């Protein structure tokens, strides 16, 4: 499976919409830190990052229904984590209403909403796009992990 940077914004939005994930805040600039998998003309999954120095928001993980259960989500998250480490990120945060168990298996741990850094609190996802009932999760990255 091929993973590549900068998938087409329209493809990303379609996959996210199909997975009932928000797209309203996405711009072409966001695609600089998004990854797709599959062929560029047949994208099967996507994931994105928003970078804030030593912290980042992992967002918008979606895999097309026919490709689910094959490990694509896990591979996309691993790619995003590797990229984040290369960018100097030490902690990844995410919000989820449906995938807490999936991310728990990947080493993310639920944290209190109050424990989130201000840079993450300022994102549209945290500030209102994701419901207040969303699980907030964090994974500490180390230079040798991955």
N, C-alpha and C. Protein backbone atom coordinates (compact mmCIF):
# COMPACT_ATOMS: atom_id res chain seq x y z
N UNK A 1 0.83 -1.18 0.00
CA UNK A 1 0.00 0.00 0.00
C UNK A 1 0.88 1.24 0.00
N UNK A 2 0.55 2.17 -0.85
CA UNK A 2 1.30 3.42 -0.97
C UNK A 2 0.65 4.48 -0.09
N UNK A 3 1.49 5.17 0.72
CA UNK A 3 1.04 6.33 1.48
C UNK A 3 1.74 7.55 0.89
N UNK A 4 0.99 8.61 0.68
CA UNK A 4 1.56 9.81 0.06
C UNK A 4 1.01 11.06 0.74
N UNK A 5 1.81 12.14 0.64
CA UNK A 5 1.41 13.43 1.20
C UNK A 5 0.54 14.18 0.20
N UNK A 6 -0.18 15.15 0.73
CA UNK A 6 -0.96 16.10 -0.07
C UNK A 6 -2.01 15.46 -0.96
N UNK A 7 -2.91 14.65 -0.39
CA UNK A 7 -3.99 14.13 -1.23
C UNK A 7 -4.89 15.28 -1.69
N UNK A 8 -5.64 15.04 -2.72
CA UNK A 8 -6.55 16.05 -3.26
C UNK A 8 -7.60 16.43 -2.23
N UNK A 9 -7.78 17.73 -2.02
CA UNK A 9 -8.72 18.23 -1.00
C UNK A 9 -10.14 17.68 -1.22
N UNK A 10 -10.59 17.61 -2.45
CA UNK A 10 -11.95 17.13 -2.72
C UNK A 10 -12.10 15.66 -2.35
N UNK A 11 -11.07 14.88 -2.59
CA UNK A 11 -11.09 13.46 -2.22
C UNK A 11 -11.11 13.32 -0.71
N UNK A 12 -10.29 14.12 -0.02
CA UNK A 12 -10.27 14.10 1.44
C UNK A 12 -11.65 14.42 1.99
N UNK A 13 -12.25 15.48 1.49
CA UNK A 13 -13.56 15.89 1.98
C UNK A 13 -14.63 14.83 1.71
N UNK A 14 -14.55 14.17 0.56
CA UNK A 14 -15.51 13.11 0.25
C UNK A 14 -15.38 11.95 1.23
N UNK A 15 -14.14 11.50 1.47
CA UNK A 15 -13.93 10.40 2.41
C UNK A 15 -14.38 10.77 3.82
N UNK A 16 -14.08 11.99 4.24
CA UNK A 16 -14.49 12.43 5.57
C UNK A 16 -16.01 12.53 5.66
N UNK A 17 -16.65 13.07 4.64
CA UNK A 17 -18.11 13.16 4.64
C UNK A 17 -18.73 11.77 4.69
N UNK A 18 -18.18 10.84 3.93
CA UNK A 18 -18.69 9.47 3.95
C UNK A 18 -18.58 8.84 5.34
N UNK A 19 -17.54 9.25 6.10
CA UNK A 19 -17.33 8.73 7.45
C UNK A 19 -18.02 9.60 8.51
N UNK A 20 -18.81 10.58 8.05
CA UNK A 20 -19.53 11.49 8.94
C UNK A 20 -18.59 12.27 9.86
N UNK A 21 -17.45 12.70 9.29
CA UNK A 21 -16.48 13.54 10.00
C UNK A 21 -16.54 14.95 9.42
N UNK A 22 -16.19 15.96 10.23
CA UNK A 22 -16.31 17.35 9.77
C UNK A 22 -15.32 17.70 8.67
N UNK A 23 -15.77 18.60 7.79
CA UNK A 23 -14.91 19.08 6.70
C UNK A 23 -14.94 20.59 6.57
N UNK A 24 -15.83 21.27 7.26
CA UNK A 24 -16.07 22.69 7.04
C UNK A 24 -14.83 23.55 7.24
N UNK A 25 -13.94 23.16 8.12
CA UNK A 25 -12.76 23.99 8.41
C UNK A 25 -11.58 23.68 7.52
N UNK A 26 -11.65 22.65 6.69
CA UNK A 26 -10.50 22.26 5.86
C UNK A 26 -10.29 23.22 4.70
N UNK A 27 -9.02 23.56 4.49
CA UNK A 27 -8.62 24.43 3.38
C UNK A 27 -7.53 23.72 2.59
N UNK A 28 -7.19 24.22 1.41
CA UNK A 28 -6.08 23.62 0.66
C UNK A 28 -4.78 23.60 1.47
N UNK A 29 -4.55 24.59 2.33
CA UNK A 29 -3.32 24.63 3.14
C UNK A 29 -3.23 23.45 4.10
N UNK A 30 -4.36 22.94 4.56
CA UNK A 30 -4.34 21.78 5.46
C UNK A 30 -3.73 20.55 4.77
N UNK A 31 -3.86 20.45 3.46
CA UNK A 31 -3.41 19.26 2.75
C UNK A 31 -1.89 19.07 2.83
N UNK A 32 -1.16 20.13 3.19
CA UNK A 32 0.29 20.02 3.35
C UNK A 32 0.67 19.01 4.43
N UNK A 33 -0.24 18.78 5.37
CA UNK A 33 0.03 17.85 6.47
C UNK A 33 -1.00 16.73 6.52
N UNK A 34 -1.53 16.40 5.35
CA UNK A 34 -2.44 15.26 5.21
C UNK A 34 -1.75 14.16 4.43
N UNK A 35 -2.18 12.94 4.69
CA UNK A 35 -1.66 11.77 3.99
C UNK A 35 -2.84 10.98 3.44
N UNK A 36 -2.62 10.41 2.27
CA UNK A 36 -3.58 9.51 1.67
C UNK A 36 -2.94 8.15 1.47
N UNK A 37 -3.76 7.13 1.30
CA UNK A 37 -3.21 5.81 0.98
C UNK A 37 -3.99 5.21 -0.18
N UNK A 38 -3.31 4.32 -0.87
CA UNK A 38 -3.85 3.76 -2.09
C UNK A 38 -3.22 4.48 -3.27
N UNK A 39 -3.92 4.49 -4.37
CA UNK A 39 -3.46 5.23 -5.55
C UNK A 39 -4.01 6.65 -5.49
N UNK A 40 -3.28 7.61 -6.06
CA UNK A 40 -3.75 9.00 -6.02
C UNK A 40 -5.13 9.14 -6.67
N UNK A 41 -5.42 8.30 -7.65
CA UNK A 41 -6.73 8.39 -8.31
C UNK A 41 -7.76 7.44 -7.69
N UNK A 42 -7.37 6.72 -6.64
CA UNK A 42 -8.28 5.81 -5.95
C UNK A 42 -7.90 5.76 -4.46
N UNK A 43 -8.02 6.90 -3.80
CA UNK A 43 -7.62 7.02 -2.39
C UNK A 43 -8.56 6.21 -1.52
N UNK A 44 -7.96 5.38 -0.66
CA UNK A 44 -8.75 4.50 0.21
C UNK A 44 -8.81 4.98 1.65
N UNK A 45 -7.92 5.90 2.02
CA UNK A 45 -7.92 6.40 3.39
C UNK A 45 -7.12 7.68 3.49
N UNK A 46 -7.42 8.46 4.54
CA UNK A 46 -6.72 9.72 4.78
C UNK A 46 -6.54 9.95 6.28
N UNK A 47 -5.56 10.77 6.60
CA UNK A 47 -5.35 11.26 7.96
C UNK A 47 -4.65 12.60 7.86
N UNK A 48 -4.86 13.45 8.84
CA UNK A 48 -4.23 14.77 8.82
C UNK A 48 -3.66 15.16 10.16
N UNK A 49 -2.79 16.14 10.10
CA UNK A 49 -2.19 16.72 11.30
C UNK A 49 -2.33 18.24 11.23
N UNK A 50 -2.46 18.85 12.38
CA UNK A 50 -2.30 20.29 12.52
C UNK A 50 -1.15 20.46 13.50
N UNK A 51 -0.08 21.10 13.05
CA UNK A 51 1.15 21.21 13.83
C UNK A 51 1.19 22.53 14.60
N UNK A 52 1.61 22.43 15.86
CA UNK A 52 1.74 23.60 16.74
C UNK A 52 3.04 23.48 17.52
N UNK A 53 4.16 23.51 16.84
CA UNK A 53 5.44 23.37 17.52
C UNK A 53 5.63 21.96 18.05
N UNK A 54 5.69 21.82 19.35
CA UNK A 54 5.94 20.50 19.96
C UNK A 54 4.67 19.69 20.19
N UNK A 55 3.53 20.27 19.84
CA UNK A 55 2.27 19.53 19.92
C UNK A 55 1.60 19.53 18.56
N UNK A 56 0.69 18.58 18.37
CA UNK A 56 -0.06 18.52 17.11
C UNK A 56 -1.40 17.87 17.38
N UNK A 57 -2.35 18.19 16.52
CA UNK A 57 -3.66 17.58 16.53
C UNK A 57 -3.71 16.55 15.41
N UNK A 58 -3.96 15.31 15.77
CA UNK A 58 -4.20 14.25 14.79
C UNK A 58 -5.68 14.32 14.46
N UNK A 59 -5.99 14.44 13.19
CA UNK A 59 -7.39 14.66 12.83
C UNK A 59 -7.75 13.95 11.54
N UNK A 60 -9.04 13.76 11.37
CA UNK A 60 -9.59 13.37 10.07
C UNK A 60 -9.08 12.03 9.57
N UNK A 61 -9.04 11.03 10.43
CA UNK A 61 -8.71 9.68 9.99
C UNK A 61 -9.98 9.04 9.44
N UNK A 62 -9.93 8.65 8.19
CA UNK A 62 -11.07 8.00 7.56
C UNK A 62 -10.57 6.97 6.55
N UNK A 63 -11.21 5.83 6.54
CA UNK A 63 -10.91 4.77 5.58
C UNK A 63 -12.21 4.42 4.86
N UNK A 64 -12.15 4.30 3.54
CA UNK A 64 -13.33 3.95 2.75
C UNK A 64 -13.88 2.61 3.22
N UNK A 65 -15.19 2.49 3.22
CA UNK A 65 -15.85 1.30 3.75
C UNK A 65 -15.29 0.00 3.15
N UNK A 66 -15.11 -0.10 1.83
CA UNK A 66 -14.61 -1.38 1.30
C UNK A 66 -13.19 -1.74 1.76
N UNK A 67 -12.43 -0.75 2.23
CA UNK A 67 -11.03 -0.99 2.62
C UNK A 67 -10.86 -1.15 4.13
N UNK A 68 -11.93 -1.07 4.88
CA UNK A 68 -11.82 -1.17 6.34
C UNK A 68 -11.48 -2.60 6.76
N UNK A 69 -10.80 -2.68 7.91
CA UNK A 69 -10.44 -3.98 8.46
C UNK A 69 -9.16 -4.56 7.91
N UNK A 70 -8.45 -3.79 7.11
CA UNK A 70 -7.21 -4.27 6.48
C UNK A 70 -5.97 -3.62 7.06
N UNK A 71 -6.12 -2.81 8.10
CA UNK A 71 -4.97 -2.17 8.73
C UNK A 71 -4.58 -0.83 8.16
N UNK A 72 -5.37 -0.28 7.24
CA UNK A 72 -5.01 1.00 6.62
C UNK A 72 -5.01 2.13 7.65
N UNK A 73 -5.99 2.15 8.53
CA UNK A 73 -6.05 3.20 9.54
C UNK A 73 -4.81 3.19 10.42
N UNK A 74 -4.41 2.01 10.84
CA UNK A 74 -3.22 1.86 11.68
C UNK A 74 -1.98 2.35 10.94
N UNK A 75 -1.86 2.00 9.65
CA UNK A 75 -0.70 2.43 8.86
C UNK A 75 -0.70 3.94 8.64
N UNK A 76 -1.87 4.50 8.42
CA UNK A 76 -1.94 5.96 8.24
C UNK A 76 -1.54 6.69 9.52
N UNK A 77 -2.01 6.20 10.67
CA UNK A 77 -1.65 6.83 11.94
C UNK A 77 -0.14 6.71 12.16
N UNK A 78 0.43 5.56 11.86
CA UNK A 78 1.88 5.37 12.02
C UNK A 78 2.65 6.35 11.14
N UNK A 79 2.19 6.57 9.93
CA UNK A 79 2.84 7.53 9.02
C UNK A 79 2.74 8.94 9.58
N UNK A 80 1.56 9.30 10.07
CA UNK A 80 1.37 10.64 10.65
C UNK A 80 2.26 10.82 11.87
N UNK A 81 2.37 9.79 12.71
CA UNK A 81 3.23 9.88 13.89
C UNK A 81 4.69 10.05 13.50
N UNK A 82 5.14 9.30 12.51
CA UNK A 82 6.51 9.40 12.04
C UNK A 82 6.80 10.81 11.51
N UNK A 83 5.89 11.32 10.72
CA UNK A 83 6.03 12.67 10.18
C UNK A 83 6.05 13.69 11.31
N UNK A 84 5.17 13.52 12.29
CA UNK A 84 5.12 14.45 13.42
C UNK A 84 6.45 14.46 14.17
N UNK A 85 7.02 13.28 14.40
CA UNK A 85 8.34 13.20 15.06
C UNK A 85 9.38 13.98 14.27
N UNK A 86 9.39 13.81 12.95
CA UNK A 86 10.34 14.52 12.09
C UNK A 86 10.18 16.03 12.21
N UNK A 87 8.97 16.48 12.52
CA UNK A 87 8.68 17.91 12.66
C UNK A 87 8.95 18.42 14.08
N UNK A 88 9.41 17.54 14.97
CA UNK A 88 9.72 17.93 16.34
C UNK A 88 8.56 17.85 17.31
N UNK A 89 7.47 17.21 16.90
CA UNK A 89 6.31 17.06 17.77
C UNK A 89 6.61 16.04 18.86
N UNK A 90 6.26 16.39 20.09
CA UNK A 90 6.47 15.52 21.24
C UNK A 90 5.18 14.90 21.75
N UNK A 91 4.03 15.51 21.43
CA UNK A 91 2.75 14.99 21.90
C UNK A 91 1.69 15.21 20.85
N UNK A 92 0.96 14.14 20.56
CA UNK A 92 -0.16 14.21 19.62
C UNK A 92 -1.46 14.13 20.41
N UNK A 93 -2.41 14.97 20.04
CA UNK A 93 -3.72 14.99 20.68
C UNK A 93 -4.77 14.70 19.62
N UNK A 94 -5.90 14.17 20.05
CA UNK A 94 -7.01 13.93 19.14
C UNK A 94 -8.31 13.98 19.91
N UNK A 95 -9.40 14.17 19.17
CA UNK A 95 -10.75 14.11 19.72
C UNK A 95 -11.51 13.07 18.92
N UNK A 96 -12.29 12.23 19.60
CA UNK A 96 -13.05 11.22 18.89
C UNK A 96 -14.35 10.92 19.63
N UNK A 97 -15.37 10.63 18.86
CA UNK A 97 -16.63 10.18 19.44
C UNK A 97 -16.86 8.70 19.16
N UNK A 98 -16.10 8.12 18.23
CA UNK A 98 -16.38 6.74 17.81
C UNK A 98 -15.18 5.80 17.83
N UNK A 99 -13.97 6.31 17.96
CA UNK A 99 -12.80 5.45 17.75
C UNK A 99 -11.86 5.39 18.96
N UNK A 100 -12.39 5.60 20.15
CA UNK A 100 -11.53 5.59 21.33
C UNK A 100 -10.81 4.25 21.49
N UNK A 101 -11.49 3.16 21.30
CA UNK A 101 -10.85 1.83 21.46
C UNK A 101 -9.74 1.63 20.43
N UNK A 102 -9.98 2.06 19.19
CA UNK A 102 -8.97 1.95 18.13
C UNK A 102 -7.70 2.70 18.54
N UNK A 103 -7.86 3.95 18.96
CA UNK A 103 -6.69 4.76 19.32
C UNK A 103 -6.04 4.27 20.62
N UNK A 104 -6.82 3.73 21.53
CA UNK A 104 -6.25 3.16 22.75
C UNK A 104 -5.28 2.02 22.39
N UNK A 105 -5.66 1.21 21.43
CA UNK A 105 -4.79 0.11 20.99
C UNK A 105 -3.49 0.61 20.35
N UNK A 106 -3.49 1.86 19.88
CA UNK A 106 -2.29 2.46 19.27
C UNK A 106 -1.47 3.28 20.25
N UNK A 107 -1.84 3.21 21.53
CA UNK A 107 -1.04 3.89 22.55
C UNK A 107 -1.53 5.26 22.97
N UNK A 108 -2.68 5.68 22.48
CA UNK A 108 -3.26 6.95 22.90
C UNK A 108 -4.03 6.73 24.19
N UNK A 109 -3.99 7.71 25.08
CA UNK A 109 -4.67 7.60 26.37
C UNK A 109 -5.62 8.77 26.55
N UNK A 110 -6.77 8.47 27.10
CA UNK A 110 -7.76 9.51 27.37
C UNK A 110 -7.23 10.44 28.45
N UNK A 111 -7.44 11.73 28.24
CA UNK A 111 -7.02 12.73 29.21
C UNK A 111 -8.19 13.69 29.47
N UNK A 112 -8.09 14.44 30.54
CA UNK A 112 -9.11 15.44 30.86
C UNK A 112 -9.05 16.58 29.85
N UNK A 113 -10.19 17.11 29.49
CA UNK A 113 -10.24 18.23 28.54
C UNK A 113 -9.38 19.40 29.01
N UNK A 114 -9.33 19.60 30.32
CA UNK A 114 -8.56 20.72 30.87
C UNK A 114 -7.05 20.54 30.68
N UNK A 115 -6.59 19.32 30.44
CA UNK A 115 -5.16 19.04 30.31
C UNK A 115 -4.62 19.34 28.91
N UNK A 116 -5.48 19.73 28.00
CA UNK A 116 -5.08 20.00 26.62
C UNK A 116 -4.38 21.35 26.54
N UNK A 117 -3.26 21.43 25.82
CA UNK A 117 -2.56 22.72 25.68
C UNK A 117 -3.43 23.76 24.96
N UNK A 118 -3.15 25.01 25.22
CA UNK A 118 -3.91 26.10 24.62
C UNK A 118 -3.92 26.05 23.09
N UNK A 119 -2.81 25.62 22.49
CA UNK A 119 -2.75 25.55 21.03
C UNK A 119 -3.81 24.60 20.48
N UNK A 120 -4.07 23.51 21.17
CA UNK A 120 -5.09 22.55 20.74
C UNK A 120 -6.48 23.09 21.07
N UNK A 121 -6.62 23.72 22.23
CA UNK A 121 -7.91 24.31 22.62
C UNK A 121 -8.37 25.36 21.61
N UNK A 122 -7.43 26.01 20.94
CA UNK A 122 -7.77 27.07 19.99
C UNK A 122 -8.21 26.54 18.63
N UNK A 123 -8.10 25.24 18.39
CA UNK A 123 -8.49 24.70 17.09
C UNK A 123 -10.01 24.67 16.96
N UNK A 124 -10.52 24.80 15.75
CA UNK A 124 -11.98 24.69 15.56
C UNK A 124 -12.53 23.35 16.04
N UNK A 125 -11.76 22.28 15.90
CA UNK A 125 -12.24 20.97 16.33
C UNK A 125 -12.53 20.97 17.83
N UNK A 126 -11.58 21.46 18.60
CA UNK A 126 -11.74 21.47 20.05
C UNK A 126 -12.78 22.51 20.47
N UNK A 127 -12.74 23.67 19.84
CA UNK A 127 -13.57 24.79 20.25
C UNK A 127 -15.05 24.63 19.89
N UNK A 128 -15.38 23.68 19.02
CA UNK A 128 -16.79 23.57 18.72
C UNK A 128 -17.20 22.57 17.67
N UNK A 129 -16.31 22.24 16.73
CA UNK A 129 -16.71 21.29 15.68
C UNK A 129 -16.98 19.92 16.29
N UNK A 130 -16.08 19.45 17.15
CA UNK A 130 -16.29 18.18 17.83
C UNK A 130 -17.11 18.44 19.09
N UNK A 131 -18.06 17.58 19.40
CA UNK A 131 -18.90 17.83 20.57
C UNK A 131 -18.09 17.74 21.87
N UNK A 132 -18.59 18.42 22.90
CA UNK A 132 -17.92 18.43 24.21
C UNK A 132 -17.84 17.03 24.79
N UNK A 133 -18.69 16.13 24.31
CA UNK A 133 -18.66 14.74 24.81
C UNK A 133 -17.55 13.90 24.17
N UNK A 134 -16.82 14.47 23.21
CA UNK A 134 -15.74 13.72 22.55
C UNK A 134 -14.68 13.30 23.55
N UNK A 135 -14.13 12.12 23.35
CA UNK A 135 -12.98 11.70 24.14
C UNK A 135 -11.78 12.49 23.65
N UNK A 136 -10.99 13.03 24.59
CA UNK A 136 -9.75 13.72 24.26
C UNK A 136 -8.63 12.75 24.61
N UNK A 137 -7.76 12.50 23.65
CA UNK A 137 -6.70 11.51 23.83
C UNK A 137 -5.35 12.11 23.49
N UNK A 138 -4.30 11.53 24.07
CA UNK A 138 -2.95 12.02 23.85
C UNK A 138 -1.99 10.85 23.75
N UNK A 139 -0.98 11.03 22.93
CA UNK A 139 0.13 10.08 22.85
C UNK A 139 1.42 10.87 22.85
N UNK A 140 2.31 10.52 23.78
CA UNK A 140 3.63 11.12 23.83
C UNK A 140 4.50 10.41 22.80
N UNK A 141 5.20 11.18 22.00
CA UNK A 141 6.09 10.62 20.98
C UNK A 141 7.52 10.71 21.49
N UNK A 142 8.31 9.69 21.20
CA UNK A 142 9.73 9.75 21.54
C UNK A 142 10.51 9.56 20.26
N UNK A 143 11.70 10.12 20.23
CA UNK A 143 12.51 10.11 19.01
C UNK A 143 12.77 8.71 18.50
N UNK A 144 12.91 7.73 19.37
CA UNK A 144 13.24 6.38 18.94
C UNK A 144 12.04 5.51 18.69
N UNK A 145 10.82 5.98 18.98
CA UNK A 145 9.64 5.16 18.81
C UNK A 145 9.20 5.17 17.37
N UNK A 146 8.38 4.20 17.02
CA UNK A 146 7.77 4.23 15.71
C UNK A 146 7.93 2.98 15.02
